[in-house]
Amino acid sequence: MAKTQLNVRVDESTAETARNRASQRGISVNRYIEELVRADQAENGRTFVEAAADFMKQYEAVFAEEFGREREGRRTNALPADEALNGGSGSGRTPA
């Protein structure tokens, strides 16, 4: 993957903390920051999927009324939430 340079300004205390945490893990400050950003991105994805599931649960009756009960519970070619977050590595079918 191509790399790009990103310059950020932080106070000395934050910089020292980043250096110490990276050193404790045996990695560069650059890699430490990359890992923090990736972890944050993954958390946002999980939060979105959880919020979408809560939304669907909350408005299930409204969707059933609008689109009919015969469609309720059908999920053709849908991935379970965990597989959707991991890039869909599973079969794409929900268990029967």
Protein backbone atom coordinates (compact mmCIF):
# COMPACT_ATOMS: atom_id res chain seq x y z
CA MET A 1 0.00 0.00 0.00
CA ALA A 2 1.31 3.44 -0.89
CA LYS A 3 2.26 5.65 2.03
CA THR A 4 1.66 9.34 2.44
CA GLN A 5 3.14 11.72 4.96
CA LEU A 6 0.86 13.32 7.52
CA ASN A 7 2.20 16.00 9.82
CA VAL A 8 0.34 16.64 13.06
CA ARG A 9 0.99 18.97 15.94
CA VAL A 10 0.42 17.73 19.48
CA ASP A 11 1.53 19.01 22.85
CA GLU A 12 4.76 17.61 24.28
CA SER A 13 2.92 15.46 26.80
CA THR A 14 0.92 13.72 24.05
CA ALA A 15 4.04 13.22 21.95
CA GLU A 16 5.90 11.71 24.91
CA THR A 17 2.98 9.38 25.65
CA ALA A 18 2.92 8.23 22.02
CA ARG A 19 6.67 7.59 22.08
CA ASN A 20 6.43 5.64 25.35
CA ARG A 21 3.45 3.52 24.24
CA ALA A 22 5.12 2.73 20.91
CA SER A 23 8.35 1.81 22.67
CA GLN A 24 6.49 -0.46 25.12
CA ARG A 25 4.98 -2.30 22.15
CA GLY A 26 8.27 -2.44 20.30
CA ILE A 27 6.95 -0.50 17.30
CA SER A 28 7.55 2.89 15.75
CA VAL A 29 5.45 5.92 16.67
CA ASN A 30 4.26 5.93 13.06
CA ARG A 31 2.99 2.35 13.31
CA TYR A 32 1.45 3.05 16.72
CA ILE A 33 -0.57 5.96 15.28
CA GLU A 34 -1.61 3.85 12.27
CA GLU A 35 -2.87 1.11 14.60
CA LEU A 36 -4.84 3.63 16.68
CA VAL A 37 -6.56 5.01 13.57
CA ARG A 38 -7.40 1.52 12.27
CA ALA A 39 -8.82 0.49 15.66
CA ASP A 40 -10.95 3.64 15.72
CA GLN A 41 -12.19 2.93 12.19
CA ALA A 42 -13.14 -0.65 13.13
CA GLU A 43 -15.00 0.58 16.22
CA ASN A 44 -16.98 3.02 14.08
CA GLY A 45 -17.98 0.15 11.77
CA ARG A 46 -19.17 -1.96 14.70
CA THR A 47 -21.09 0.98 16.13
CA PHE A 48 -22.82 1.55 12.78
CA VAL A 49 -23.88 -2.10 12.44
CA GLU A 50 -25.18 -2.18 16.02
CA ALA A 51 -27.12 1.05 15.49
CA ALA A 52 -28.62 -0.27 12.25
CA ALA A 53 -29.71 -3.49 14.01
CA ASP A 54 -31.29 -1.49 16.84
CA PHE A 55 -33.09 0.70 14.29
CA MET A 56 -34.48 -2.34 12.48
CA LYS A 57 -35.64 -3.87 15.77
CA GLN A 58 -37.28 -0.64 16.86
CA TYR A 59 -39.14 -0.12 13.57
CA GLU A 60 -39.81 -3.77 12.70
CA ALA A 61 -43.58 -3.35 13.06
CA VAL A 62 -43.58 -0.27 10.84
CA PHE A 63 -41.68 -2.11 8.08
CA ALA A 64 -43.97 -5.14 8.40
CA GLU A 65 -47.04 -2.93 8.08
CA GLU A 66 -45.63 -1.02 5.12
CA PHE A 67 -44.17 -3.92 3.16
CA GLY A 68 -46.26 -6.82 4.40
CA ARG A 69 -45.61 -9.63 6.82
CA GLU A 70 -44.72 -12.08 4.04
CA ARG A 71 -41.34 -10.30 3.69
CA GLU A 72 -40.62 -10.28 7.41
CA GLY A 73 -37.51 -12.20 8.36
CA ARG A 74 -36.31 -12.77 4.77
CA ARG A 75 -32.65 -11.98 4.23
CA THR A 76 -31.49 -13.30 0.90
CA ASN A 77 -27.77 -12.94 0.33
CA ALA A 78 -27.42 -11.05 3.60
CA LEU A 79 -24.32 -11.37 5.76
CA PRO A 80 -24.47 -11.65 9.53
CA ALA A 81 -23.22 -8.45 11.18
CA ASP A 82 -19.86 -9.98 12.20
CA GLU A 83 -19.14 -11.14 8.65
CA ALA A 84 -20.15 -7.77 7.19
CA LEU A 85 -17.56 -6.07 9.41
CA ASN A 86 -14.89 -8.57 8.39
CA GLY A 87 -15.37 -8.11 4.67
CA GLY A 88 -17.88 -10.90 4.16
CA SER A 89 -15.50 -13.82 4.47
CA GLY A 90 -18.35 -16.26 5.17
CA SER A 91 -20.78 -18.01 2.86
CA GLY A 92 -23.22 -15.10 2.73
CA ARG A 93 -26.06 -17.32 3.93
CA THR A 94 -27.77 -17.14 7.26
CA PRO A 95 -28.29 -20.37 9.21
CA ALA A 96 -31.64 -22.11 8.67
